[in-house]
Amino acid sequence: MTQHSTGTREEWLAARLELLEAEKELTRRSDELARQRQQLPWVRIDKDYRFDTDDGSASLADLFRGGSQLLVYHFMFGPDYTAGCPACSAIADGFNGFFVHLENHDVAMTAVSRAPLDKLQAYKRRMGWSFPWASSLGSDFNYDFNASYTEEQQRQGTVEYNYRSMDVTPVLEASEGPVVDFAAMVGTDAATYTREAPGMSAFALDDGAVYHTYSAYARGVDALWGMYQCSTGRRRGATRPSRGSAATTSTTRAKRLRQQRGRTLRSSTAPASAVVIPPSETPTAVIPSAMRSEREVS
C-alpha cells in the first residue's frame, strides 16, 4: 500500500493546475534571469592559457574553433584519477548528444580537465563520446576558475567555490558516503578526488580578444544534466535503488575497491582537509539522486 497521498482525478487536476501556475511563474522568472545573465559585464582574459587537445597545443581562443562563443564544462578528472567522475560522466552523456547543435548556433562546447590528454582520450573512447575534451594540465585555468584546488588550499581548510568561502575540513572525517564511494570509483582517496570540482564557464571572442562572460557551479550545473531534469522526483526510486541497479552495483563495487586497497580517509600522506560541498549546496553534478540521503534529496 502506497504511503504517498492519493485522491480522485478531480483532486489531482485541481492540484495540477495550481502547480502549473507556479511552473509558469518559474518559467517567466527564468526568462528574466536569462536576460540578467546576458547583461553581465564581460571580463577580458589576458593570461595565455594553454591546453592539450586532439589537434595539438591550443590557446583558449583556439577552443572556439572559429566561432564567437565558447561553453566549457569543468569535468572532474584529475591527474591521479583512473577514470572520470561518475556524475560528470552522466552529464557528459547528455551534452555529447547536443553539443553539435550548439555549434550550429555559433557556440563551441568543450570539456576541460586536468588529467593528461592520453587519459582523457582513453576514457572518451571507452564511453563512446565525440565532444571535444582538452587537458589543462600545467595551466592555471582550472584554478583560476575555481574548478581545482591545491593540497595547500585543502590544508588551509577554506576554499572558494560557488562564489563563497567554504570550510572543507570535515570531509576527511567521513568513513563512508557518496564522496568516499566516488573517490574509490575513480581510483583515488577523498582528498584527491575533491581537489577537482564541477562547473561550467562561458566565454566570448570579440575582435580577437577573449572575454569571460559567465560561470556556474553547484546546482547551477543542473542545466546541463538533461537526465536529471526528466526525473519525476520519486523518492522511493531515488533513495532505494533496486538490487543490481547501476547505482547499487557501482556503490558496492566502490566499497569493495576500498576494502581491497585498504584505503582510509586519513593516511600519513593525506592532507588535513579537502573540498566538500554541504548538502544544501550539493550539486547534482557531484551526487546523483540514487546515491543521496533522504535529507539531501529534499
C-alpha atoms as a PDB file:
ATOM      1  CA  MET A   1       0.000   0.000   0.000  1.00  0.00           C
ATOM      2  CA  THR A   2       1.472   3.346  -1.015  1.00  0.00           C
ATOM      3  CA  GLN A   3       2.268   5.866   1.709  1.00  0.00           C
ATOM      4  CA  HIS A   4       2.011   8.734  -0.755  1.00  0.00           C
ATOM      5  CA  SER A   5      -1.091  10.916  -0.711  1.00  0.00           C
ATOM      6  CA  THR A   6      -3.856   9.763  -3.068  1.00  0.00           C
ATOM      7  CA  GLY A   7      -7.022  11.394  -4.385  1.00  0.00           C
ATOM      8  CA  THR A   8      -9.627  11.496  -7.109  1.00  0.00           C
ATOM      9  CA  ARG A   9      -8.954  12.614 -10.679  1.00  0.00           C
ATOM     10  CA  GLU A  10     -10.706  15.907  -9.891  1.00  0.00           C
ATOM     11  CA  GLU A  11      -8.496  16.482  -6.833  1.00  0.00           C
ATOM     12  CA  TRP A  12      -5.415  15.657  -8.884  1.00  0.00           C
ATOM     13  CA  LEU A  13      -6.441  18.099 -11.635  1.00  0.00           C
ATOM     14  CA  ALA A  14      -7.042  20.906  -9.158  1.00  0.00           C
ATOM     15  CA  ALA A  15      -3.628  20.352  -7.591  1.00  0.00           C
ATOM     16  CA  ARG A  16      -2.007  20.083 -11.006  1.00  0.00           C
ATOM     17  CA  LEU A  17      -3.499  23.383 -12.188  1.00  0.00           C
ATOM     18  CA  GLU A  18      -2.212  25.077  -9.044  1.00  0.00           C
ATOM     19  CA  LEU A  19       1.229  23.646  -9.711  1.00  0.00           C
ATOM     20  CA  LEU A  20       1.016  24.739 -13.346  1.00  0.00           C
ATOM     21  CA  GLU A  21       0.697  28.366 -12.279  1.00  0.00           C
ATOM     22  CA  ALA A  22       3.818  28.004 -10.143  1.00  0.00           C
ATOM     23  CA  GLU A  23       5.637  26.395 -13.093  1.00  0.00           C
ATOM     24  CA  LYS A  24       4.637  29.245 -15.395  1.00  0.00           C
ATOM     25  CA  GLU A  25       5.892  31.764 -12.866  1.00  0.00           C
ATOM     26  CA  LEU A  26       9.183  29.869 -12.649  1.00  0.00           C
ATOM     27  CA  THR A  27       9.470  29.973 -16.446  1.00  0.00           C
ATOM     28  CA  ARG A  28       8.860  33.727 -16.506  1.00  0.00           C
ATOM     29  CA  ARG A  29      11.406  34.202 -13.739  1.00  0.00           C
ATOM     30  CA  SER A  30      13.893  32.027 -15.628  1.00  0.00           C
ATOM     31  CA  ASP A  31      13.447  34.212 -18.714  1.00  0.00           C
ATOM     32  CA  GLU A  32      14.191  37.306 -16.642  1.00  0.00           C
ATOM     33  CA  LEU A  33      17.267  35.666 -15.120  1.00  0.00           C
ATOM     34  CA  ALA A  34      18.456  34.788 -18.630  1.00  0.00           C
ATOM     35  CA  ARG A  35      18.230  38.458 -19.582  1.00  0.00           C
ATOM     36  CA  GLN A  36      20.193  39.448 -16.486  1.00  0.00           C
ATOM     37  CA  ARG A  37      22.776  36.791 -17.261  1.00  0.00           C
ATOM     38  CA  GLN A  38      23.260  38.200 -20.750  1.00  0.00           C
ATOM     39  CA  GLN A  39      23.761  41.683 -19.323  1.00  0.00           C
ATOM     40  CA  LEU A  40      26.651  40.719 -17.045  1.00  0.00           C
ATOM     41  CA  PRO A  41      29.808  42.715 -17.830  1.00  0.00           C
ATOM     42  CA  TRP A  42      32.498  40.865 -19.741  1.00  0.00           C
ATOM     43  CA  VAL A  43      35.981  40.449 -18.282  1.00  0.00           C
ATOM     44  CA  ARG A  44      38.855  40.405 -20.746  1.00  0.00           C
ATOM     45  CA  ILE A  45      41.274  37.498 -20.340  1.00  0.00           C
ATOM     46  CA  ASP A  46      44.898  38.373 -20.956  1.00  0.00           C
ATOM     47  CA  LYS A  47      46.543  35.288 -19.427  1.00  0.00           C
ATOM     48  CA  ASP A  48      47.910  32.857 -22.009  1.00  0.00           C
ATOM     49  CA  TYR A  49      46.239  29.599 -21.023  1.00  0.00           C
ATOM     50  CA  ARG A  50      47.497  26.552 -22.931  1.00  0.00           C
ATOM     51  CA  PHE A  51      45.656  23.290 -23.482  1.00  0.00           C
ATOM     52  CA  ASP A  52      46.498  19.889 -24.944  1.00  0.00           C
ATOM     53  CA  THR A  53      43.884  18.854 -27.496  1.00  0.00           C
ATOM     54  CA  ASP A  54      43.442  16.203 -30.171  1.00  0.00           C
ATOM     55  CA  ASP A  55      44.800  18.771 -32.626  1.00  0.00           C
ATOM     56  CA  GLY A  56      47.843  19.679 -30.535  1.00  0.00           C
ATOM     57  CA  SER A  57      48.627  22.592 -28.240  1.00  0.00           C
ATOM     58  CA  ALA A  58      45.891  25.222 -28.209  1.00  0.00           C
ATOM     59  CA  SER A  59      45.114  28.603 -26.689  1.00  0.00           C
ATOM     60  CA  LEU A  60      41.785  29.494 -25.122  1.00  0.00           C
ATOM     61  CA  ALA A  61      40.899  31.340 -28.332  1.00  0.00           C
ATOM     62  CA  ASP A  62      41.624  28.184 -30.335  1.00  0.00           C
ATOM     63  CA  LEU A  63      38.943  26.311 -28.374  1.00  0.00           C
ATOM     64  CA  PHE A  64      36.298  28.498 -30.037  1.00  0.00           C
ATOM     65  CA  ARG A  65      37.002  26.568 -33.274  1.00  0.00           C
ATOM     66  CA  GLY A  66      36.103  29.536 -35.466  1.00  0.00           C
ATOM     67  CA  GLY A  67      33.025  30.605 -33.529  1.00  0.00           C
ATOM     68  CA  SER A  68      32.360  33.591 -31.297  1.00  0.00           C
ATOM     69  CA  GLN A  69      31.057  31.800 -28.186  1.00  0.00           C
ATOM     70  CA  LEU A  70      32.527  29.030 -26.043  1.00  0.00           C
ATOM     71  CA  LEU A  71      30.971  26.911 -23.300  1.00  0.00           C
ATOM     72  CA  VAL A  72      33.368  24.961 -21.096  1.00  0.00           C
ATOM     73  CA  TYR A  73      32.305  22.116 -18.806  1.00  0.00           C
ATOM     74  CA  HIS A  74      34.745  21.705 -15.930  1.00  0.00           C
ATOM     75  CA  PHE A  75      34.843  17.894 -15.892  1.00  0.00           C
ATOM     76  CA  MET A  76      36.173  16.299 -12.693  1.00  0.00           C
ATOM     77  CA  PHE A  77      39.074  14.193 -13.950  1.00  0.00           C
ATOM     78  CA  GLY A  78      42.264  14.933 -12.040  1.00  0.00           C
ATOM     79  CA  PRO A  79      45.790  13.819 -12.983  1.00  0.00           C
ATOM     80  CA  ASP A  80      45.667  10.974 -10.445  1.00  0.00           C
ATOM     81  CA  TYR A  81      42.213   9.705 -11.416  1.00  0.00           C
ATOM     82  CA  THR A  82      41.974   6.390 -13.246  1.00  0.00           C
ATOM     83  CA  ALA A  83      38.524   7.292 -14.636  1.00  0.00           C
ATOM     84  CA  GLY A  84      36.230  10.293 -14.911  1.00  0.00           C
ATOM     85  CA  CYS A  85      33.871  11.312 -12.130  1.00  0.00           C
ATOM     86  CA  PRO A  86      30.743   9.104 -12.462  1.00  0.00           C
ATOM     87  CA  ALA A  87      28.312  12.008 -12.125  1.00  0.00           C
ATOM     88  CA  CYS A  88      30.256  14.213 -14.540  1.00  0.00           C
ATOM     89  CA  SER A  89      30.154  11.239 -16.898  1.00  0.00           C
ATOM     90  CA  ALA A  90      26.356  11.125 -16.650  1.00  0.00           C
ATOM     91  CA  ILE A  91      26.232  14.824 -17.519  1.00  0.00           C
ATOM     92  CA  ALA A  92      28.648  14.296 -20.416  1.00  0.00           C
ATOM     93  CA  ASP A  93      26.432  11.515 -21.772  1.00  0.00           C
ATOM     94  CA  GLY A  94      23.800  14.210 -22.174  1.00  0.00           C
ATOM     95  CA  PHE A  95      25.763  17.034 -23.789  1.00  0.00           C
ATOM     96  CA  ASN A  96      27.585  14.567 -26.034  1.00  0.00           C
ATOM     97  CA  GLY A  97      24.307  14.432 -27.940  1.00  0.00           C
ATOM     98  CA  PHE A  98      23.593  18.159 -28.202  1.00  0.00           C
ATOM     99  CA  PHE A  99      26.996  19.860 -28.454  1.00  0.00           C
ATOM    100  CA  VAL A 100      26.823  19.649 -32.267  1.00  0.00           C
ATOM    101  CA  HIS A 101      23.564  21.617 -32.206  1.00  0.00           C
ATOM    102  CA  LEU A 102      25.242  24.327 -30.151  1.00  0.00           C
ATOM    103  CA  GLU A 103      27.999  24.509 -32.750  1.00  0.00           C
ATOM    104  CA  ASN A 104      25.351  25.101 -35.424  1.00  0.00           C
ATOM    105  CA  HIS A 105      24.346  28.175 -33.420  1.00  0.00           C
ATOM    106  CA  ASP A 106      27.851  29.636 -33.095  1.00  0.00           C
ATOM    107  CA  VAL A 107      28.554  28.086 -29.657  1.00  0.00           C
ATOM    108  CA  ALA A 108      31.562  25.799 -29.357  1.00  0.00           C
ATOM    109  CA  MET A 109      31.466  23.410 -26.416  1.00  0.00           C
ATOM    110  CA  THR A 110      34.347  21.553 -24.826  1.00  0.00           C
ATOM    111  CA  ALA A 111      35.117  19.751 -21.617  1.00  0.00           C
ATOM    112  CA  VAL A 112      38.297  20.694 -19.766  1.00  0.00           C
ATOM    113  CA  SER A 113      40.060  18.565 -17.154  1.00  0.00           C
ATOM    114  CA  ARG A 114      43.475  18.462 -15.503  1.00  0.00           C
ATOM    115  CA  ALA A 115      44.177  14.821 -16.376  1.00  0.00           C
ATOM    116  CA  PRO A 116      46.747  14.335 -19.154  1.00  0.00           C
ATOM    117  CA  LEU A 117      45.326  14.120 -22.657  1.00  0.00           C
ATOM    118  CA  ASP A 118      46.053  10.423 -23.138  1.00  0.00           C
ATOM    119  CA  LYS A 119      43.888   9.573 -20.100  1.00  0.00           C
ATOM    120  CA  LEU A 120      41.066  11.749 -21.397  1.00  0.00           C
ATOM    121  CA  GLN A 121      41.272  10.204 -24.852  1.00  0.00           C
ATOM    122  CA  ALA A 122      41.230   6.648 -23.473  1.00  0.00           C
ATOM    123  CA  TYR A 123      38.211   7.361 -21.272  1.00  0.00           C
ATOM    124  CA  LYS A 124      36.467   9.163 -24.124  1.00  0.00           C
ATOM    125  CA  ARG A 125      36.871   6.084 -26.337  1.00  0.00           C
ATOM    126  CA  ARG A 126      35.639   3.832 -23.569  1.00  0.00           C
ATOM    127  CA  MET A 127      32.499   5.959 -23.142  1.00  0.00           C
ATOM    128  CA  GLY A 128      31.862   6.400 -26.877  1.00  0.00           C
ATOM    129  CA  TRP A 129      31.893  10.202 -26.721  1.00  0.00           C
ATOM    130  CA  SER A 130      32.695  12.611 -29.557  1.00  0.00           C
ATOM    131  CA  PHE A 131      32.673  16.058 -27.898  1.00  0.00           C
ATOM    132  CA  PRO A 132      36.000  17.950 -27.733  1.00  0.00           C
ATOM    133  CA  TRP A 133      37.940  17.419 -24.496  1.00  0.00           C
ATOM    134  CA  ALA A 134      41.047  19.407 -23.611  1.00  0.00           C
ATOM    135  CA  SER A 135      43.646  18.887 -20.914  1.00  0.00           C
ATOM    136  CA  SER A 136      44.634  21.929 -18.871  1.00  0.00           C
ATOM    137  CA  LEU A 137      47.456  20.086 -17.083  1.00  0.00           C
ATOM    138  CA  GLY A 138      50.241  22.547 -16.301  1.00  0.00           C
ATOM    139  CA  SER A 139      47.910  25.520 -16.739  1.00  0.00           C
ATOM    140  CA  ASP A 140      46.270  27.771 -14.154  1.00  0.00           C
ATOM    141  CA  PHE A 141      42.948  27.568 -15.981  1.00  0.00           C
ATOM    142  CA  ASN A 142      41.123  25.251 -13.563  1.00  0.00           C
ATOM    143  CA  TYR A 143      42.488  27.036 -10.516  1.00  0.00           C
ATOM    144  CA  ASP A 144      41.625  30.490 -11.825  1.00  0.00           C
ATOM    145  CA  PHE A 145      38.035  29.419 -12.458  1.00  0.00           C
ATOM    146  CA  ASN A 146      37.620  27.649  -9.088  1.00  0.00           C
ATOM    147  CA  ALA A 147      37.338  24.161 -10.557  1.00  0.00           C
ATOM    148  CA  SER A 148      40.520  22.765  -8.959  1.00  0.00           C
ATOM    149  CA  TYR A 149      42.349  23.181  -5.660  1.00  0.00           C
ATOM    150  CA  THR A 150      45.870  22.502  -4.448  1.00  0.00           C
ATOM    151  CA  GLU A 151      46.830  20.363  -1.471  1.00  0.00           C
ATOM    152  CA  GLU A 152      47.936  23.540   0.275  1.00  0.00           C
ATOM    153  CA  GLN A 153      44.495  25.087  -0.180  1.00  0.00           C
ATOM    154  CA  GLN A 154      42.930  21.958   1.267  1.00  0.00           C
ATOM    155  CA  ARG A 155      45.244  22.045   4.285  1.00  0.00           C
ATOM    156  CA  GLN A 156      44.254  25.646   4.977  1.00  0.00           C
ATOM    157  CA  GLY A 157      40.709  24.389   5.393  1.00  0.00           C
ATOM    158  CA  THR A 158      38.911  27.025   3.291  1.00  0.00           C
ATOM    159  CA  VAL A 159      38.448  27.258  -0.461  1.00  0.00           C
ATOM    160  CA  GLU A 160      36.420  29.430  -2.799  1.00  0.00           C
ATOM    161  CA  TYR A 161      33.568  27.588  -4.507  1.00  0.00           C
ATOM    162  CA  ASN A 162      30.326  28.909  -5.941  1.00  0.00           C
ATOM    163  CA  TYR A 163      31.338  32.479  -5.097  1.00  0.00           C
ATOM    164  CA  ARG A 164      31.833  31.994  -1.394  1.00  0.00           C
ATOM    165  CA  SER A 165      34.358  30.655   1.083  1.00  0.00           C
ATOM    166  CA  MET A 166      33.721  27.106   2.226  1.00  0.00           C
ATOM    167  CA  ASP A 167      35.083  25.221   5.226  1.00  0.00           C
ATOM    168  CA  VAL A 168      36.342  21.917   3.835  1.00  0.00           C
ATOM    169  CA  THR A 169      37.838  20.450   6.988  1.00  0.00           C
ATOM    170  CA  PRO A 170      35.098  17.863   7.757  1.00  0.00           C
ATOM    171  CA  VAL A 171      35.448  15.886   4.530  1.00  0.00           C
ATOM    172  CA  LEU A 172      38.180  13.543   5.783  1.00  0.00           C
ATOM    173  CA  GLU A 173      36.253  12.713   8.927  1.00  0.00           C
ATOM    174  CA  ALA A 174      33.764  10.619   6.954  1.00  0.00           C
ATOM    175  CA  SER A 175      34.473   6.918   6.578  1.00  0.00           C
ATOM    176  CA  GLU A 176      31.677   6.288   4.101  1.00  0.00           C
ATOM    177  CA  GLY A 177      29.232   8.097   1.870  1.00  0.00           C
ATOM    178  CA  PRO A 178      28.907   9.243  -1.753  1.00  0.00           C
ATOM    179  CA  VAL A 179      32.158  11.235  -1.869  1.00  0.00           C
ATOM    180  CA  VAL A 180      34.119   8.303  -0.484  1.00  0.00           C
ATOM    181  CA  ASP A 181      32.407   5.932  -2.901  1.00  0.00           C
ATOM    182  CA  PHE A 182      33.016   8.200  -5.878  1.00  0.00           C
ATOM    183  CA  ALA A 183      36.670   8.580  -4.925  1.00  0.00           C
ATOM    184  CA  ALA A 184      37.086   4.811  -4.959  1.00  0.00           C
ATOM    185  CA  MET A 185      35.364   4.579  -8.341  1.00  0.00           C
ATOM    186  CA  VAL A 186      37.946   6.907  -9.873  1.00  0.00           C
ATOM    187  CA  GLY A 187      40.859   5.196  -8.128  1.00  0.00           C
ATOM    188  CA  THR A 188      41.683   7.864  -5.544  1.00  0.00           C
ATOM    189  CA  ASP A 189      41.042   8.845  -1.946  1.00  0.00           C
ATOM    190  CA  ALA A 190      38.514  11.509  -0.984  1.00  0.00           C
ATOM    191  CA  ALA A 191      41.124  14.259  -0.695  1.00  0.00           C
ATOM    192  CA  THR A 192      42.483  13.662  -4.187  1.00  0.00           C
ATOM    193  CA  TYR A 193      39.006  13.286  -5.655  1.00  0.00           C
ATOM    194  CA  THR A 194      37.756  16.569  -4.203  1.00  0.00           C
ATOM    195  CA  ARG A 195      40.678  18.624  -5.477  1.00  0.00           C
ATOM    196  CA  GLU A 196      38.519  18.867  -8.580  1.00  0.00           C
ATOM    197  CA  ALA A 197      35.076  20.478  -8.674  1.00  0.00           C
ATOM    198  CA  PRO A 198      32.279  20.666 -11.282  1.00  0.00           C
ATOM    199  CA  GLY A 199      31.190  23.800 -13.039  1.00  0.00           C
ATOM    200  CA  MET A 200      30.663  25.461 -16.390  1.00  0.00           C
ATOM    201  CA  SER A 201      32.091  28.681 -17.799  1.00  0.00           C
ATOM    202  CA  ALA A 202      31.141  30.755 -20.827  1.00  0.00           C
ATOM    203  CA  PHE A 203      33.420  32.929 -22.950  1.00  0.00           C
ATOM    204  CA  ALA A 204      33.073  35.309 -25.882  1.00  0.00           C
ATOM    205  CA  LEU A 205      35.542  36.064 -28.653  1.00  0.00           C
ATOM    206  CA  ASP A 206      35.292  39.600 -29.987  1.00  0.00           C
ATOM    207  CA  ASP A 207      37.794  41.297 -32.293  1.00  0.00           C
ATOM    208  CA  GLY A 208      40.474  38.754 -31.388  1.00  0.00           C
ATOM    209  CA  ALA A 209      40.091  39.174 -27.606  1.00  0.00           C
ATOM    210  CA  VAL A 210      38.635  36.526 -25.280  1.00  0.00           C
ATOM    211  CA  TYR A 211      36.230  37.576 -22.531  1.00  0.00           C
ATOM    212  CA  HIS A 212      34.857  35.643 -19.571  1.00  0.00           C
ATOM    213  CA  THR A 213      31.095  36.143 -19.526  1.00  0.00           C
ATOM    214  CA  TYR A 214      29.648  33.635 -17.029  1.00  0.00           C
ATOM    215  CA  SER A 215      30.416  30.735 -14.698  1.00  0.00           C
ATOM    216  CA  ALA A 216      28.109  28.500 -12.655  1.00  0.00           C
ATOM    217  CA  TYR A 217      28.786  25.865 -10.040  1.00  0.00           C
ATOM    218  CA  ALA A 218      26.923  23.542  -7.669  1.00  0.00           C
ATOM    219  CA  ARG A 219      23.219  23.471  -8.633  1.00  0.00           C
ATOM    220  CA  GLY A 220      23.989  25.906 -11.441  1.00  0.00           C
ATOM    221  CA  VAL A 221      25.279  22.927 -13.428  1.00  0.00           C
ATOM    222  CA  ASP A 222      21.835  21.284 -13.380  1.00  0.00           C
ATOM    223  CA  ALA A 223      21.034  22.917 -16.722  1.00  0.00           C
ATOM    224  CA  LEU A 224      23.477  20.576 -18.445  1.00  0.00           C
ATOM    225  CA  TRP A 225      22.078  17.400 -16.885  1.00  0.00           C
ATOM    226  CA  GLY A 226      19.091  16.597 -19.074  1.00  0.00           C
ATOM    227  CA  MET A 227      18.533  13.244 -17.392  1.00  0.00           C
ATOM    228  CA  TYR A 228      18.012  14.926 -14.042  1.00  0.00           C
ATOM    229  CA  GLN A 229      15.524  17.410 -15.483  1.00  0.00           C
ATOM    230  CA  CYS A 230      13.378  14.475 -16.653  1.00  0.00           C
ATOM    231  CA  SER A 231      13.300  12.833 -13.232  1.00  0.00           C
ATOM    232  CA  THR A 232       9.875  12.590 -11.598  1.00  0.00           C
ATOM    233  CA  GLY A 233      11.499  13.066  -8.215  1.00  0.00           C
ATOM    234  CA  ARG A 234      10.042   9.890  -6.734  1.00  0.00           C
ATOM    235  CA  ARG A 235      11.940   9.471  -3.501  1.00  0.00           C
ATOM    236  CA  ARG A 236      11.498   5.753  -3.296  1.00  0.00           C
ATOM    237  CA  GLY A 237      13.263   5.227  -6.603  1.00  0.00           C
ATOM    238  CA  ALA A 238      15.821   7.888  -5.805  1.00  0.00           C
ATOM    239  CA  THR A 239      16.857   6.693  -2.388  1.00  0.00           C
ATOM    240  CA  ARG A 240      16.293   2.951  -2.641  1.00  0.00           C
ATOM    241  CA  PRO A 241      17.696   1.709  -5.960  1.00  0.00           C
ATOM    242  CA  SER A 242      16.851  -1.894  -6.695  1.00  0.00           C
ATOM    243  CA  ARG A 243      19.427  -4.577  -6.100  1.00  0.00           C
ATOM    244  CA  GLY A 244      21.677  -4.953  -9.097  1.00  0.00           C
ATOM    245  CA  SER A 245      20.935  -1.491 -10.489  1.00  0.00           C
ATOM    246  CA  ALA A 246      23.736   0.695 -11.774  1.00  0.00           C
ATOM    247  CA  ALA A 247      23.691   2.775  -8.601  1.00  0.00           C
ATOM    248  CA  THR A 248      23.847  -0.138  -6.156  1.00  0.00           C
ATOM    249  CA  THR A 249      26.346  -2.027  -8.290  1.00  0.00           C
ATOM    250  CA  SER A 250      28.643   0.984  -8.513  1.00  0.00           C
ATOM    251  CA  THR A 251      28.382   1.685  -4.795  1.00  0.00           C
ATOM    252  CA  THR A 252      29.037  -1.926  -3.886  1.00  0.00           C
ATOM    253  CA  ARG A 253      31.977  -2.066  -6.269  1.00  0.00           C
ATOM    254  CA  ALA A 254      33.395   1.138  -4.773  1.00  0.00           C
ATOM    255  CA  LYS A 255      33.173  -0.245  -1.238  1.00  0.00           C
ATOM    256  CA  ARG A 256      34.833  -3.450  -2.358  1.00  0.00           C
ATOM    257  CA  LEU A 257      37.627  -1.491  -4.016  1.00  0.00           C
ATOM    258  CA  ARG A 258      38.242   0.439  -0.813  1.00  0.00           C
ATOM    259  CA  GLN A 259      38.411  -2.791   1.172  1.00  0.00           C
ATOM    260  CA  GLN A 260      40.765  -4.424  -1.312  1.00  0.00           C
ATOM    261  CA  ARG A 261      43.094  -1.473  -1.424  1.00  0.00           C
ATOM    262  CA  GLY A 262      42.934  -0.866   2.289  1.00  0.00           C
ATOM    263  CA  ARG A 263      42.126   2.790   1.758  1.00  0.00           C
ATOM    264  CA  THR A 264      41.301   5.039   4.701  1.00  0.00           C
ATOM    265  CA  LEU A 265      40.306   8.666   4.615  1.00  0.00           C
ATOM    266  CA  ARG A 266      43.119   9.582   6.970  1.00  0.00           C
ATOM    267  CA  SER A 267      46.546   8.397   5.993  1.00  0.00           C
ATOM    268  CA  SER A 268      50.007   9.628   6.751  1.00  0.00           C
ATOM    269  CA  THR A 269      50.193  11.275   3.338  1.00  0.00           C
ATOM    270  CA  ALA A 270      46.671  12.663   3.093  1.00  0.00           C
ATOM    271  CA  PRO A 271      46.187  16.416   3.567  1.00  0.00           C
ATOM    272  CA  ALA A 272      44.410  17.605   6.673  1.00  0.00           C
ATOM    273  CA  SER A 273      41.329  18.682   4.754  1.00  0.00           C
ATOM    274  CA  ALA A 274      39.665  18.519   1.370  1.00  0.00           C
ATOM    275  CA  VAL A 275      36.861  20.068  -0.614  1.00  0.00           C
ATOM    276  CA  VAL A 276      33.355  19.025   0.322  1.00  0.00           C
ATOM    277  CA  ILE A 277      30.089  20.679  -0.604  1.00  0.00           C
ATOM    278  CA  PRO A 278      27.468  20.755   2.161  1.00  0.00           C
ATOM    279  CA  PRO A 279      24.074  19.109   1.471  1.00  0.00           C
ATOM    280  CA  SER A 280      22.348  22.459   0.924  1.00  0.00           C
ATOM    281  CA  GLU A 281      24.807  23.260  -1.878  1.00  0.00           C
ATOM    282  CA  THR A 282      25.448  19.772  -3.193  1.00  0.00           C
ATOM    283  CA  PRO A 283      25.221  19.933  -6.997  1.00  0.00           C
ATOM    284  CA  THR A 284      23.600  17.139  -8.938  1.00  0.00           C
ATOM    285  CA  ALA A 285      26.952  17.015 -10.708  1.00  0.00           C
ATOM    286  CA  VAL A 286      28.521  15.578  -7.579  1.00  0.00           C
ATOM    287  CA  ILE A 287      25.971  13.173  -6.136  1.00  0.00           C
ATOM    288  CA  PRO A 288      23.204  11.612  -8.281  1.00  0.00           C
ATOM    289  CA  SER A 289      19.813  11.210  -6.659  1.00  0.00           C
ATOM    290  CA  ALA A 290      20.258   7.448  -6.445  1.00  0.00           C
ATOM    291  CA  MET A 291      23.158   7.955  -4.036  1.00  0.00           C
ATOM    292  CA  ARG A 292      21.785  10.791  -1.909  1.00  0.00           C
ATOM    293  CA  SER A 293      20.233  10.558   1.523  1.00  0.00           C
ATOM    294  CA  GLU A 294      16.605  11.479   2.161  1.00  0.00           C
ATOM    295  CA  ARG A 295      17.728  14.800   3.632  1.00  0.00           C
ATOM    296  CA  GLU A 296      19.879  15.648   0.618  1.00  0.00           C
ATOM    297  CA  VAL A 297      17.154  14.810  -1.897  1.00  0.00           C
ATOM    298  CA  SER A 298      14.843  17.193  -0.069  1.00  0.00           C
END
